Amino acid sequence: MAPILTPPEIDRRKPPYDIYEGDGNGRRPPHPPIDKRTGGNGDGDNWSDRPQGRRGPRERLSQVRIGLFFGLFGDLMFFVAVASAFFVVRANGHFDAYSRYINDWLPTAIPSILWLNTAALLLSSVTAEIARRSMFREEDVMDEWFGLGRPTSKRATAWLTLTLGLGLLFLAGQWIAWSQLAAQHVFYHSNGSSHFFYLITVTHAIHLVLGICALVVALIELQRSRQFTSRQILVDATVWYWHAMGLLWIFLFVLLEYGQ
């Protein structure tokens, strides 16, 4: 897990044990007094020794990732169910009046622009990952912790903007593919194959639109948010969602291209 950096700890000297009040027999107490401000023996600056119930940046990042992955798991199960139905319908048929087995499945010719769309989406995952990693590179983020500007956020903004452009290019390519099929009179209800093509591509496009909305929010917060950890967490969650949409599209594209 990529670390979330916290401001440098302040070294505060603690009095040695032998000046603490003992039990009256001249011996040292077995433990130093408990610092109630930190819920233990912390010095008030170490986020690992925060009061009980208070979440630190590492816990916030972990909880956001866990919530995101659970949500994505539900999406994965939906598309697995769609893929299963795809193969069931493809194999189904019926017997005609002459006892001949008829399969109504007519493969849909996949528009060639989908190859370009796939390349654009894979490239967008690369740019998104560069943006995510730049938010966690220790040697680059100290200026932001010390309030000396936002060099890391500016760098991430540039890469996320490129990711956004590639995502919009992917959606434009999908629209062109649907238009090409419509020009060939291949529609949602034309046959079982076209039914699944539109179902799969449109549903994935809707999920990608959600990812584009998340990118827009992340770009806005990179400029407006004053908390660097919040910017880190938002970029991290957005990029992981974007990666999931890229991997999901690879699976769906292979299904449409070679599964018919």
C-alpha atoms as a PDB file:
ATOM      1  CA  MET A   1       0.000   0.000   0.000  1.00  0.00           C
ATOM      2  CA  ALA A   2       1.359   3.397  -0.913  1.00  0.00           C
ATOM      3  CA  PRO A   3       2.079   5.406   2.239  1.00  0.00           C
ATOM      4  CA  ILE A   4       0.274   8.602   3.114  1.00  0.00           C
ATOM      5  CA  LEU A   5       2.811  11.042   4.400  1.00  0.00           C
ATOM      6  CA  THR A   6       2.101  13.020   7.541  1.00  0.00           C
ATOM      7  CA  PRO A   7       3.798  16.219   8.700  1.00  0.00           C
ATOM      8  CA  PRO A   8       7.197  15.678  10.305  1.00  0.00           C
ATOM      9  CA  GLU A   9       6.985  14.672  13.912  1.00  0.00           C
ATOM     10  CA  ILE A  10       8.101  17.165  16.557  1.00  0.00           C
ATOM     11  CA  ASP A  11      10.574  15.688  19.001  1.00  0.00           C
ATOM     12  CA  ARG A  12       9.486  16.719  22.465  1.00  0.00           C
ATOM     13  CA  ARG A  13      11.711  15.712  25.332  1.00  0.00           C
ATOM     14  CA  LYS A  14      10.136  13.747  28.153  1.00  0.00           C
ATOM     15  CA  PRO A  15      11.435  13.845  31.677  1.00  0.00           C
ATOM     16  CA  PRO A  16      13.365  10.736  32.699  1.00  0.00           C
ATOM     17  CA  TYR A  17      11.656   8.097  34.770  1.00  0.00           C
ATOM     18  CA  ASP A  18      13.571   8.886  37.941  1.00  0.00           C
ATOM     19  CA  ILE A  19      11.887  12.282  38.378  1.00  0.00           C
ATOM     20  CA  TYR A  20       8.408  10.767  38.384  1.00  0.00           C
ATOM     21  CA  GLU A  21       6.804  10.356  41.726  1.00  0.00           C
ATOM     22  CA  GLY A  22       7.349   6.798  42.923  1.00  0.00           C
ATOM     23  CA  ASP A  23       5.687   4.721  45.593  1.00  0.00           C
ATOM     24  CA  GLY A  24       7.645   6.270  48.484  1.00  0.00           C
ATOM     25  CA  ASN A  25      10.382   3.633  48.725  1.00  0.00           C
ATOM     26  CA  GLY A  26      12.805   5.299  46.320  1.00  0.00           C
ATOM     27  CA  ARG A  27      12.162   2.927  43.436  1.00  0.00           C
ATOM     28  CA  ARG A  28      11.117   3.960  39.936  1.00  0.00           C
ATOM     29  CA  PRO A  29       7.556   3.328  38.838  1.00  0.00           C
ATOM     30  CA  PRO A  30       7.274   0.409  36.376  1.00  0.00           C
ATOM     31  CA  HIS A  31       5.869   2.667  33.608  1.00  0.00           C
ATOM     32  CA  PRO A  32       5.853   6.395  32.898  1.00  0.00           C
ATOM     33  CA  PRO A  33       2.607   8.255  33.558  1.00  0.00           C
ATOM     34  CA  ILE A  34      -0.056   7.881  30.908  1.00  0.00           C
ATOM     35  CA  ASP A  35      -0.500  10.893  28.626  1.00  0.00           C
ATOM     36  CA  LYS A  36      -4.266  11.183  28.472  1.00  0.00           C
ATOM     37  CA  ARG A  37      -4.102  13.487  25.458  1.00  0.00           C
ATOM     38  CA  THR A  38      -2.913  10.687  23.211  1.00  0.00           C
ATOM     39  CA  GLY A  39      -4.563   7.745  24.925  1.00  0.00           C
ATOM     40  CA  GLY A  40      -1.209   6.245  25.837  1.00  0.00           C
ATOM     41  CA  ASN A  41       2.435   7.214  25.962  1.00  0.00           C
ATOM     42  CA  GLY A  42       2.499   9.228  22.742  1.00  0.00           C
ATOM     43  CA  ASP A  43       3.770  12.760  22.395  1.00  0.00           C
ATOM     44  CA  GLY A  44       0.661  14.104  20.688  1.00  0.00           C
ATOM     45  CA  ASP A  45       2.239  14.244  17.219  1.00  0.00           C
ATOM     46  CA  ASN A  46       2.484  10.626  16.093  1.00  0.00           C
ATOM     47  CA  TRP A  47      -0.643   9.682  14.103  1.00  0.00           C
ATOM     48  CA  SER A  48      -0.035   6.037  14.986  1.00  0.00           C
ATOM     49  CA  ASP A  49      -0.666   6.874  18.678  1.00  0.00           C
ATOM     50  CA  ARG A  50      -3.832   8.941  18.232  1.00  0.00           C
ATOM     51  CA  PRO A  51      -6.762   8.686  20.696  1.00  0.00           C
ATOM     52  CA  GLN A  52      -8.965   5.625  20.433  1.00  0.00           C
ATOM     53  CA  GLY A  53     -11.704   6.016  17.820  1.00  0.00           C
ATOM     54  CA  ARG A  54      -9.905   8.713  15.893  1.00  0.00           C
ATOM     55  CA  ARG A  55      -9.013   7.752  12.327  1.00  0.00           C
ATOM     56  CA  GLY A  56      -5.654   8.653  10.840  1.00  0.00           C
ATOM     57  CA  PRO A  57      -4.831   9.143   7.151  1.00  0.00           C
ATOM     58  CA  ARG A  58      -3.678   5.553   6.659  1.00  0.00           C
ATOM     59  CA  GLU A  59      -6.948   4.200   8.045  1.00  0.00           C
ATOM     60  CA  ARG A  60      -8.972   6.609   5.923  1.00  0.00           C
ATOM     61  CA  LEU A  61      -7.180   5.449   2.794  1.00  0.00           C
ATOM     62  CA  SER A  62      -7.688   1.783   3.699  1.00  0.00           C
ATOM     63  CA  GLN A  63     -11.386   2.255   4.410  1.00  0.00           C
ATOM     64  CA  VAL A  64     -11.978   4.129   1.156  1.00  0.00           C
ATOM     65  CA  ARG A  65     -10.186   1.421  -0.815  1.00  0.00           C
ATOM     66  CA  ILE A  66     -12.110  -1.374   0.899  1.00  0.00           C
ATOM     67  CA  GLY A  67     -15.438   0.354   0.235  1.00  0.00           C
ATOM     68  CA  LEU A  68     -14.481   0.927  -3.397  1.00  0.00           C
ATOM     69  CA  PHE A  69     -13.399  -2.665  -3.944  1.00  0.00           C
ATOM     70  CA  PHE A  70     -16.637  -3.996  -2.445  1.00  0.00           C
ATOM     71  CA  GLY A  71     -18.629  -1.786  -4.804  1.00  0.00           C
ATOM     72  CA  LEU A  72     -16.545  -2.909  -7.778  1.00  0.00           C
ATOM     73  CA  PHE A  73     -17.026  -6.538  -6.778  1.00  0.00           C
ATOM     74  CA  GLY A  74     -20.784  -6.042  -7.149  1.00  0.00           C
ATOM     75  CA  ASP A  75     -20.246  -4.632 -10.646  1.00  0.00           C
ATOM     76  CA  LEU A  76     -18.007  -7.567 -11.514  1.00  0.00           C
ATOM     77  CA  MET A  77     -20.713 -10.036 -10.474  1.00  0.00           C
ATOM     78  CA  PHE A  78     -23.216  -8.212 -12.696  1.00  0.00           C
ATOM     79  CA  PHE A  79     -20.991  -8.458 -15.768  1.00  0.00           C
ATOM     80  CA  VAL A  80     -20.150 -12.089 -15.017  1.00  0.00           C
ATOM     81  CA  ALA A  81     -23.901 -12.790 -15.008  1.00  0.00           C
ATOM     82  CA  VAL A  82     -24.247 -10.966 -18.339  1.00  0.00           C
ATOM     83  CA  ALA A  83     -21.381 -13.003 -19.813  1.00  0.00           C
ATOM     84  CA  SER A  84     -22.973 -16.225 -18.596  1.00  0.00           C
ATOM     85  CA  ALA A  85     -26.283 -15.264 -20.210  1.00  0.00           C
ATOM     86  CA  PHE A  86     -24.351 -14.398 -23.384  1.00  0.00           C
ATOM     87  CA  PHE A  87     -23.078 -17.968 -23.765  1.00  0.00           C
ATOM     88  CA  VAL A  88     -26.420 -19.505 -22.804  1.00  0.00           C
ATOM     89  CA  VAL A  89     -28.328 -17.508 -25.432  1.00  0.00           C
ATOM     90  CA  ARG A  90     -25.653 -18.158 -28.048  1.00  0.00           C
ATOM     91  CA  ALA A  91     -26.023 -21.923 -27.560  1.00  0.00           C
ATOM     92  CA  ASN A  92     -29.816 -21.903 -27.458  1.00  0.00           C
ATOM     93  CA  GLY A  93     -31.946 -22.863 -30.454  1.00  0.00           C
ATOM     94  CA  HIS A  94     -35.159 -24.613 -31.362  1.00  0.00           C
ATOM     95  CA  PHE A  95     -36.478 -27.345 -33.626  1.00  0.00           C
ATOM     96  CA  ASP A  96     -38.564 -26.372 -36.626  1.00  0.00           C
ATOM     97  CA  ALA A  97     -41.502 -28.278 -38.103  1.00  0.00           C
ATOM     98  CA  TYR A  98     -39.090 -30.626 -39.893  1.00  0.00           C
ATOM     99  CA  SER A  99     -37.231 -31.461 -36.673  1.00  0.00           C
ATOM    100  CA  ARG A 100     -34.247 -29.429 -37.744  1.00  0.00           C
ATOM    101  CA  TYR A 101     -32.340 -27.634 -35.012  1.00  0.00           C
ATOM    102  CA  ILE A 102     -32.304 -23.899 -35.695  1.00  0.00           C
ATOM    103  CA  ASN A 103     -29.990 -21.450 -33.937  1.00  0.00           C
ATOM    104  CA  ASP A 104     -31.131 -17.849 -34.297  1.00  0.00           C
ATOM    105  CA  TRP A 105     -27.801 -16.402 -33.175  1.00  0.00           C
ATOM    106  CA  LEU A 106     -26.290 -14.101 -35.807  1.00  0.00           C
ATOM    107  CA  PRO A 107     -22.812 -12.836 -34.874  1.00  0.00           C
ATOM    108  CA  THR A 108     -22.471  -9.061 -34.814  1.00  0.00           C
ATOM    109  CA  ALA A 109     -19.546  -7.654 -36.756  1.00  0.00           C
ATOM    110  CA  ILE A 110     -17.566  -5.605 -34.246  1.00  0.00           C
ATOM    111  CA  PRO A 111     -16.723  -2.119 -35.599  1.00  0.00           C
ATOM    112  CA  SER A 112     -12.986  -1.731 -36.041  1.00  0.00           C
ATOM    113  CA  ILE A 113     -13.009   1.536 -34.092  1.00  0.00           C
ATOM    114  CA  LEU A 114     -13.377  -0.503 -30.905  1.00  0.00           C
ATOM    115  CA  TRP A 115      -9.702  -1.459 -31.257  1.00  0.00           C
ATOM    116  CA  LEU A 116      -8.763   2.215 -31.172  1.00  0.00           C
ATOM    117  CA  ASN A 117     -11.101   2.764 -28.241  1.00  0.00           C
ATOM    118  CA  THR A 118      -9.377  -0.038 -26.350  1.00  0.00           C
ATOM    119  CA  ALA A 119      -5.953   1.464 -26.997  1.00  0.00           C
ATOM    120  CA  ALA A 120      -7.147   4.887 -25.793  1.00  0.00           C
ATOM    121  CA  LEU A 121      -8.568   3.403 -22.586  1.00  0.00           C
ATOM    122  CA  LEU A 122      -5.394   1.454 -21.843  1.00  0.00           C
ATOM    123  CA  LEU A 123      -3.315   4.584 -22.385  1.00  0.00           C
ATOM    124  CA  SER A 124      -5.604   6.502 -20.043  1.00  0.00           C
ATOM    125  CA  SER A 125      -4.908   3.944 -17.300  1.00  0.00           C
ATOM    126  CA  VAL A 126      -1.195   4.634 -17.708  1.00  0.00           C
ATOM    127  CA  THR A 127      -1.644   8.398 -17.354  1.00  0.00           C
ATOM    128  CA  ALA A 128      -3.982   7.910 -14.384  1.00  0.00           C
ATOM    129  CA  GLU A 129      -1.449   5.697 -12.612  1.00  0.00           C
ATOM    130  CA  ILE A 130       1.286   8.281 -13.138  1.00  0.00           C
ATOM    131  CA  ALA A 131      -0.978  10.860 -11.488  1.00  0.00           C
ATOM    132  CA  ARG A 132      -1.740   8.540  -8.560  1.00  0.00           C
ATOM    133  CA  ARG A 133       1.895   7.667  -7.906  1.00  0.00           C
ATOM    134  CA  SER A 134       2.968  11.292  -8.075  1.00  0.00           C
ATOM    135  CA  MET A 135       0.627  12.028  -5.162  1.00  0.00           C
ATOM    136  CA  PHE A 136       2.495   9.550  -2.952  1.00  0.00           C
ATOM    137  CA  ARG A 137       6.121  10.139  -3.952  1.00  0.00           C
ATOM    138  CA  GLU A 138       7.802  11.132  -0.703  1.00  0.00           C
ATOM    139  CA  GLU A 139      10.502  13.356  -2.130  1.00  0.00           C
ATOM    140  CA  ASP A 140       7.928  15.401  -4.076  1.00  0.00           C
ATOM    141  CA  VAL A 141       5.232  15.992  -1.479  1.00  0.00           C
ATOM    142  CA  MET A 142       7.186  17.657   1.336  1.00  0.00           C
ATOM    143  CA  ASP A 143       6.763  21.106  -0.218  1.00  0.00           C
ATOM    144  CA  GLU A 144       3.006  20.709   0.056  1.00  0.00           C
ATOM    145  CA  TRP A 145       3.260  19.588   3.676  1.00  0.00           C
ATOM    146  CA  PHE A 146       5.289  22.686   4.506  1.00  0.00           C
ATOM    147  CA  GLY A 147       2.907  24.944   2.585  1.00  0.00           C
ATOM    148  CA  LEU A 148       5.476  25.881  -0.058  1.00  0.00           C
ATOM    149  CA  GLY A 149       3.109  25.461  -2.986  1.00  0.00           C
ATOM    150  CA  ARG A 150       1.350  22.586  -4.729  1.00  0.00           C
ATOM    151  CA  PRO A 151       3.901  21.094  -7.154  1.00  0.00           C
ATOM    152  CA  THR A 152       2.624  17.546  -6.668  1.00  0.00           C
ATOM    153  CA  SER A 153      -1.017  18.490  -7.129  1.00  0.00           C
ATOM    154  CA  LYS A 154      -0.182  20.469 -10.258  1.00  0.00           C
ATOM    155  CA  ARG A 155       1.660  17.508 -11.733  1.00  0.00           C
ATOM    156  CA  ALA A 156      -1.229  15.174 -10.916  1.00  0.00           C
ATOM    157  CA  THR A 157      -3.674  17.677 -12.409  1.00  0.00           C
ATOM    158  CA  ALA A 158      -1.854  17.564 -15.750  1.00  0.00           C
ATOM    159  CA  TRP A 159      -1.914  13.764 -15.913  1.00  0.00           C
ATOM    160  CA  LEU A 160      -5.536  13.493 -14.763  1.00  0.00           C
ATOM    161  CA  THR A 161      -6.558  16.056 -17.372  1.00  0.00           C
ATOM    162  CA  LEU A 162      -4.943  13.875 -20.035  1.00  0.00           C
ATOM    163  CA  THR A 163      -6.763  10.862 -18.576  1.00  0.00           C
ATOM    164  CA  LEU A 164     -10.048  12.754 -18.790  1.00  0.00           C
ATOM    165  CA  GLY A 165      -9.411  13.616 -22.441  1.00  0.00           C
ATOM    166  CA  LEU A 166      -8.672   9.986 -23.316  1.00  0.00           C
ATOM    167  CA  GLY A 167     -11.800   8.859 -21.484  1.00  0.00           C
ATOM    168  CA  LEU A 168     -13.935  11.291 -23.481  1.00  0.00           C
ATOM    169  CA  LEU A 169     -12.235  10.060 -26.640  1.00  0.00           C
ATOM    170  CA  PHE A 170     -13.198   6.498 -25.709  1.00  0.00           C
ATOM    171  CA  LEU A 171     -16.855   7.470 -25.248  1.00  0.00           C
ATOM    172  CA  ALA A 172     -16.854   9.334 -28.553  1.00  0.00           C
ATOM    173  CA  GLY A 173     -15.490   6.197 -30.230  1.00  0.00           C
ATOM    174  CA  GLN A 174     -18.232   4.094 -28.663  1.00  0.00           C
ATOM    175  CA  TRP A 175     -20.850   6.490 -30.037  1.00  0.00           C
ATOM    176  CA  ILE A 176     -19.317   6.164 -33.497  1.00  0.00           C
ATOM    177  CA  ALA A 177     -19.439   2.357 -33.196  1.00  0.00           C
ATOM    178  CA  TRP A 178     -23.133   2.446 -32.277  1.00  0.00           C
ATOM    179  CA  SER A 179     -23.825   4.799 -35.185  1.00  0.00           C
ATOM    180  CA  GLN A 180     -22.012   2.481 -37.595  1.00  0.00           C
ATOM    181  CA  LEU A 181     -24.101  -0.480 -36.480  1.00  0.00           C
ATOM    182  CA  ALA A 182     -27.301   1.556 -36.720  1.00  0.00           C
ATOM    183  CA  ALA A 183     -26.379   2.496 -40.296  1.00  0.00           C
ATOM    184  CA  GLN A 184     -26.196  -1.245 -41.012  1.00  0.00           C
ATOM    185  CA  HIS A 185     -29.666  -1.676 -39.418  1.00  0.00           C
ATOM    186  CA  VAL A 186     -28.223  -3.575 -36.490  1.00  0.00           C
ATOM    187  CA  PHE A 187     -30.137  -2.484 -33.403  1.00  0.00           C
ATOM    188  CA  TYR A 188     -30.705  -3.618 -29.833  1.00  0.00           C
ATOM    189  CA  HIS A 189     -33.598  -5.953 -30.727  1.00  0.00           C
ATOM    190  CA  SER A 190     -32.233  -7.186 -34.083  1.00  0.00           C
ATOM    191  CA  ASN A 191     -30.979 -10.510 -32.697  1.00  0.00           C
ATOM    192  CA  GLY A 192     -29.438 -12.046 -29.614  1.00  0.00           C
ATOM    193  CA  SER A 193     -25.907 -11.049 -30.548  1.00  0.00           C
ATOM    194  CA  SER A 194     -26.710  -7.364 -31.145  1.00  0.00           C
ATOM    195  CA  HIS A 195     -28.793  -7.371 -27.965  1.00  0.00           C
ATOM    196  CA  PHE A 196     -25.741  -8.316 -25.890  1.00  0.00           C
ATOM    197  CA  PHE A 197     -23.447  -5.990 -27.817  1.00  0.00           C
ATOM    198  CA  TYR A 198     -25.534  -2.948 -26.948  1.00  0.00           C
ATOM    199  CA  LEU A 199     -26.212  -4.153 -23.406  1.00  0.00           C
ATOM    200  CA  ILE A 200     -22.532  -4.665 -22.665  1.00  0.00           C
ATOM    201  CA  THR A 201     -21.120  -1.565 -24.359  1.00  0.00           C
ATOM    202  CA  VAL A 202     -23.804   0.844 -23.100  1.00  0.00           C
ATOM    203  CA  THR A 203     -23.618  -0.454 -19.515  1.00  0.00           C
ATOM    204  CA  HIS A 204     -19.844  -0.144 -19.503  1.00  0.00           C
ATOM    205  CA  ALA A 205     -20.098   3.359 -20.983  1.00  0.00           C
ATOM    206  CA  ILE A 206     -22.406   4.378 -18.121  1.00  0.00           C
ATOM    207  CA  HIS A 207     -19.845   3.119 -15.620  1.00  0.00           C
ATOM    208  CA  LEU A 208     -17.127   5.036 -17.439  1.00  0.00           C
ATOM    209  CA  VAL A 209     -19.222   8.210 -17.299  1.00  0.00           C
ATOM    210  CA  LEU A 210     -19.225   7.807 -13.509  1.00  0.00           C
ATOM    211  CA  GLY A 211     -15.440   7.537 -13.672  1.00  0.00           C
ATOM    212  CA  ILE A 212     -15.259  10.729 -15.741  1.00  0.00           C
ATOM    213  CA  CYS A 213     -17.408  12.504 -13.155  1.00  0.00           C
ATOM    214  CA  ALA A 214     -14.991  11.291 -10.464  1.00  0.00           C
ATOM    215  CA  LEU A 215     -12.073  12.641 -12.493  1.00  0.00           C
ATOM    216  CA  VAL A 216     -13.751  16.036 -12.764  1.00  0.00           C
ATOM    217  CA  VAL A 217     -14.345  16.113  -9.001  1.00  0.00           C
ATOM    218  CA  ALA A 218     -10.722  15.096  -8.346  1.00  0.00           C
ATOM    219  CA  LEU A 219      -9.436  17.847 -10.655  1.00  0.00           C
ATOM    220  CA  ILE A 220     -11.581  20.438  -8.874  1.00  0.00           C
ATOM    221  CA  GLU A 221     -10.508  19.291  -5.420  1.00  0.00           C
ATOM    222  CA  LEU A 222      -6.847  19.310  -6.413  1.00  0.00           C
ATOM    223  CA  GLN A 223      -7.251  23.064  -6.811  1.00  0.00           C
ATOM    224  CA  ARG A 224      -9.641  23.805  -3.949  1.00  0.00           C
ATOM    225  CA  SER A 225      -9.002  21.352  -1.120  1.00  0.00           C
ATOM    226  CA  ARG A 226      -6.648  22.555   1.606  1.00  0.00           C
ATOM    227  CA  GLN A 227      -5.991  19.106   3.071  1.00  0.00           C
ATOM    228  CA  PHE A 228      -3.291  17.249   1.193  1.00  0.00           C
ATOM    229  CA  THR A 229      -4.334  13.856   2.601  1.00  0.00           C
ATOM    230  CA  SER A 230      -7.862  14.392   1.285  1.00  0.00           C
ATOM    231  CA  ARG A 231      -6.465  15.126  -2.156  1.00  0.00           C
ATOM    232  CA  GLN A 232      -4.323  12.001  -1.984  1.00  0.00           C
ATOM    233  CA  ILE A 233      -7.261   9.781  -1.013  1.00  0.00           C
ATOM    234  CA  LEU A 234      -9.563  11.241  -3.667  1.00  0.00           C
ATOM    235  CA  VAL A 235      -7.020  10.770  -6.467  1.00  0.00           C
ATOM    236  CA  ASP A 236      -6.180   7.258  -5.256  1.00  0.00           C
ATOM    237  CA  ALA A 237      -9.828   6.106  -5.209  1.00  0.00           C
ATOM    238  CA  THR A 238     -10.588   7.701  -8.575  1.00  0.00           C
ATOM    239  CA  VAL A 239      -7.622   6.072 -10.277  1.00  0.00           C
ATOM    240  CA  TRP A 240      -8.361   2.625  -8.854  1.00  0.00           C
ATOM    241  CA  TYR A 241     -11.922   2.904 -10.150  1.00  0.00           C
ATOM    242  CA  TRP A 242     -10.560   3.926 -13.553  1.00  0.00           C
ATOM    243  CA  HIS A 243      -8.202   0.943 -13.619  1.00  0.00           C
ATOM    244  CA  ALA A 244     -11.126  -1.362 -12.830  1.00  0.00           C
ATOM    245  CA  MET A 245     -13.103   0.041 -15.769  1.00  0.00           C
ATOM    246  CA  GLY A 246     -10.121  -0.526 -18.053  1.00  0.00           C
ATOM    247  CA  LEU A 247      -9.669  -4.149 -16.976  1.00  0.00           C
ATOM    248  CA  LEU A 248     -13.404  -4.742 -17.230  1.00  0.00           C
ATOM    249  CA  TRP A 249     -13.451  -3.399 -20.784  1.00  0.00           C
ATOM    250  CA  ILE A 250     -10.628  -5.743 -21.817  1.00  0.00           C
ATOM    251  CA  PHE A 251     -12.704  -8.686 -20.591  1.00  0.00           C
ATOM    252  CA  LEU A 252     -15.848  -7.444 -22.359  1.00  0.00           C
ATOM    253  CA  PHE A 253     -14.033  -6.590 -25.581  1.00  0.00           C
ATOM    254  CA  VAL A 254     -12.489 -10.068 -25.791  1.00  0.00           C
ATOM    255  CA  LEU A 255     -15.943 -11.542 -25.158  1.00  0.00           C
ATOM    256  CA  LEU A 256     -17.514  -9.529 -27.990  1.00  0.00           C
ATOM    257  CA  GLU A 257     -14.646 -10.008 -30.431  1.00  0.00           C
ATOM    258  CA  TYR A 258     -13.893 -13.690 -29.943  1.00  0.00           C
ATOM    259  CA  GLY A 259     -16.900 -15.118 -28.059  1.00  0.00           C
ATOM    260  CA  GLN A 260     -19.387 -14.969 -30.886  1.00  0.00           C
END
